[in-house]
C-alpha atoms as a PDB file:
ATOM      1  CA  UNK A   1      10.764  44.012-106.238  1.00  0.00           C
ATOM      2  CA  UNK A   2       9.810  44.705-102.620  1.00  0.00           C
ATOM      3  CA  UNK A   3       6.925  47.171-102.325  1.00  0.00           C
ATOM      4  CA  UNK A   4       6.961  49.913 -99.701  1.00  0.00           C
ATOM      5  CA  UNK A   5       4.203  52.141 -98.332  1.00  0.00           C
ATOM      6  CA  UNK A   6       5.773  55.089-100.165  1.00  0.00           C
ATOM      7  CA  UNK A   7       5.245  53.454-103.561  1.00  0.00           C
ATOM      8  CA  UNK A   8       2.281  54.472-105.708  1.00  0.00           C
ATOM      9  CA  UNK A   9       0.064  52.012-107.543  1.00  0.00           C
ATOM     10  CA  UNK A  10      -0.393  52.807-111.214  1.00  0.00           C
ATOM     11  CA  UNK A  11      -2.825  51.062-113.543  1.00  0.00           C
ATOM     12  CA  UNK A  12      -2.189  50.807-117.266  1.00  0.00           C
ATOM     13  CA  UNK A  13      -4.892  49.684-119.656  1.00  0.00           C
ATOM     14  CA  UNK A  14      -3.384  48.024-122.720  1.00  0.00           C
ATOM     15  CA  UNK A  15      -4.887  47.374-126.158  1.00  0.00           C
ATOM     16  CA  UNK A  16      -3.136  44.591-128.063  1.00  0.00           C
ATOM     17  CA  UNK A  17      -3.162  43.371-131.638  1.00  0.00           C
ATOM     18  CA  UNK A  18      -5.723  40.570-132.066  1.00  0.00           C
ATOM     19  CA  UNK A  19      -4.334  37.173-131.080  1.00  0.00           C
ATOM     20  CA  UNK A  20      -1.396  38.560-129.065  1.00  0.00           C
ATOM     21  CA  UNK A  21      -2.920  39.301-125.650  1.00  0.00           C
ATOM     22  CA  UNK A  22      -1.268  36.402-123.780  1.00  0.00           C
ATOM     23  CA  UNK A  23       2.167  37.027-125.281  1.00  0.00           C
ATOM     24  CA  UNK A  24       1.941  40.734-124.436  1.00  0.00           C
ATOM     25  CA  UNK A  25       0.803  39.958-120.861  1.00  0.00           C
ATOM     26  CA  UNK A  26       3.750  37.599-120.390  1.00  0.00           C
ATOM     27  CA  UNK A  27       6.184  40.283-121.591  1.00  0.00           C
ATOM     28  CA  UNK A  28       4.621  42.898-119.316  1.00  0.00           C
ATOM     29  CA  UNK A  29       5.086  40.518-116.380  1.00  0.00           C
ATOM     30  CA  UNK A  30       8.853  40.880-116.899  1.00  0.00           C
ATOM     31  CA  UNK A  31       8.774  44.644-116.205  1.00  0.00           C
ATOM     32  CA  UNK A  32      10.472  45.452-112.879  1.00  0.00           C
ATOM     33  CA  UNK A  33       7.551  47.519-111.533  1.00  0.00           C
ATOM     34  CA  UNK A  34       5.019  44.789-112.402  1.00  0.00           C
ATOM     35  CA  UNK A  35       2.500  43.654-109.778  1.00  0.00           C
ATOM     36  CA  UNK A  36      -0.516  42.105-111.535  1.00  0.00           C
ATOM     37  CA  UNK A  37      -2.159  41.795-114.942  1.00  0.00           C
ATOM     38  CA  UNK A  38      -5.755  40.903-115.826  1.00  0.00           C
ATOM     39  CA  UNK A  39      -7.560  40.310-119.100  1.00  0.00           C
ATOM     40  CA  UNK A  40     -10.557  42.645-119.334  1.00  0.00           C
ATOM     41  CA  UNK A  41     -13.474  43.410-121.628  1.00  0.00           C
ATOM     42  CA  UNK A  42     -14.194  46.652-123.419  1.00  0.00           C
ATOM     43  CA  UNK A  43     -11.970  49.035-125.324  1.00  0.00           C
ATOM     44  CA  UNK A  44      -8.772  47.613-123.807  1.00  0.00           C
ATOM     45  CA  UNK A  45      -7.572  44.006-123.448  1.00  0.00           C
ATOM     46  CA  UNK A  46      -5.378  44.091-120.323  1.00  0.00           C
ATOM     47  CA  UNK A  47      -5.376  45.900-116.987  1.00  0.00           C
ATOM     48  CA  UNK A  48      -1.858  46.086-115.588  1.00  0.00           C
ATOM     49  CA  UNK A  49      -0.968  47.121-112.034  1.00  0.00           C
ATOM     50  CA  UNK A  50       2.477  48.575-111.456  1.00  0.00           C
ATOM     51  CA  UNK A  51       4.107  50.040-108.350  1.00  0.00           C
ATOM     52  CA  UNK A  52       6.430  53.015-108.790  1.00  0.00           C
ATOM     53  CA  UNK A  53       8.370  55.016-106.247  1.00  0.00           C
ATOM     54  CA  UNK A  54       8.782  58.069-108.475  1.00  0.00           C
ATOM     55  CA  UNK A  55       5.934  59.244-110.714  1.00  0.00           C
ATOM     56  CA  UNK A  56       8.321  61.696-112.378  1.00  0.00           C
ATOM     57  CA  UNK A  57       9.893  58.752-114.226  1.00  0.00           C
ATOM     58  CA  UNK A  58       6.583  57.051-115.022  1.00  0.00           C
ATOM     59  CA  UNK A  59       6.356  58.451-118.550  1.00  0.00           C
ATOM     60  CA  UNK A  60       9.749  57.024-119.440  1.00  0.00           C
ATOM     61  CA  UNK A  61       8.845  53.650-117.870  1.00  0.00           C
ATOM     62  CA  UNK A  62       5.621  53.435-119.899  1.00  0.00           C
ATOM     63  CA  UNK A  63       7.398  54.445-123.105  1.00  0.00           C
ATOM     64  CA  UNK A  64      10.485  52.257-122.805  1.00  0.00           C
ATOM     65  CA  UNK A  65       9.211  49.201-120.930  1.00  0.00           C
ATOM     66  CA  UNK A  66       5.527  48.908-121.853  1.00  0.00           C
ATOM     67  CA  UNK A  67       4.848  50.630-125.181  1.00  0.00           C
ATOM     68  CA  UNK A  68       8.000  49.150-126.715  1.00  0.00           C
ATOM     69  CA  UNK A  69       6.584  45.608-126.374  1.00  0.00           C
ATOM     70  CA  UNK A  70       5.563  44.292-129.809  1.00  0.00           C
ATOM     71  CA  UNK A  71       1.817  44.061-130.544  1.00  0.00           C
ATOM     72  CA  UNK A  72       0.758  46.805-128.124  1.00  0.00           C
ATOM     73  CA  UNK A  73      -1.527  49.176-130.014  1.00  0.00           C
ATOM     74  CA  UNK A  74      -2.496  51.662-127.297  1.00  0.00           C
ATOM     75  CA  UNK A  75      -2.150  52.360-123.564  1.00  0.00           C
ATOM     76  CA  UNK A  76      -4.097  54.422-121.050  1.00  0.00           C
ATOM     77  CA  UNK A  77      -2.379  55.179-117.736  1.00  0.00           C
ATOM     78  CA  UNK A  78      -4.257  55.823-114.490  1.00  0.00           C
ATOM     79  CA  UNK A  79      -2.455  57.360-111.512  1.00  0.00           C
ATOM     80  CA  UNK A  80      -3.726  56.558-108.024  1.00  0.00           C
ATOM     81  CA  UNK A  81      -3.721  58.709-104.917  1.00  0.00           C
ATOM     82  CA  UNK A  82      -5.188  57.241-101.748  1.00  0.00           C
ATOM     83  CA  UNK A  83      -6.053  53.569-101.212  1.00  0.00           C
ATOM     84  CA  UNK A  84      -9.191  52.699 -99.277  1.00  0.00           C
ATOM     85  CA  UNK A  85      -9.974  49.414 -97.592  1.00  0.00           C
ATOM     86  CA  UNK A  86      -6.516  47.922 -98.193  1.00  0.00           C
ATOM     87  CA  UNK A  87      -5.617  44.692 -96.443  1.00  0.00           C
END
């Protein structure tokens, strides 16, 4: 997917079933809006960066393309507004 200036970055924190983090990350990488994915510490296991051009459809994207992946236990979505210091 080619990203445009009009697209909004969205971060999704993902909690996985124990022992399934890598498999879940690989499945998330197949999502069309996917940009990056990092393993993290704390309450969640993965930090996923997506780019969307329409936040009105974000709920459906999270439900059908992220939460439907086996071994995902929980998600927490963070919308972004203005980017600072971008390169």
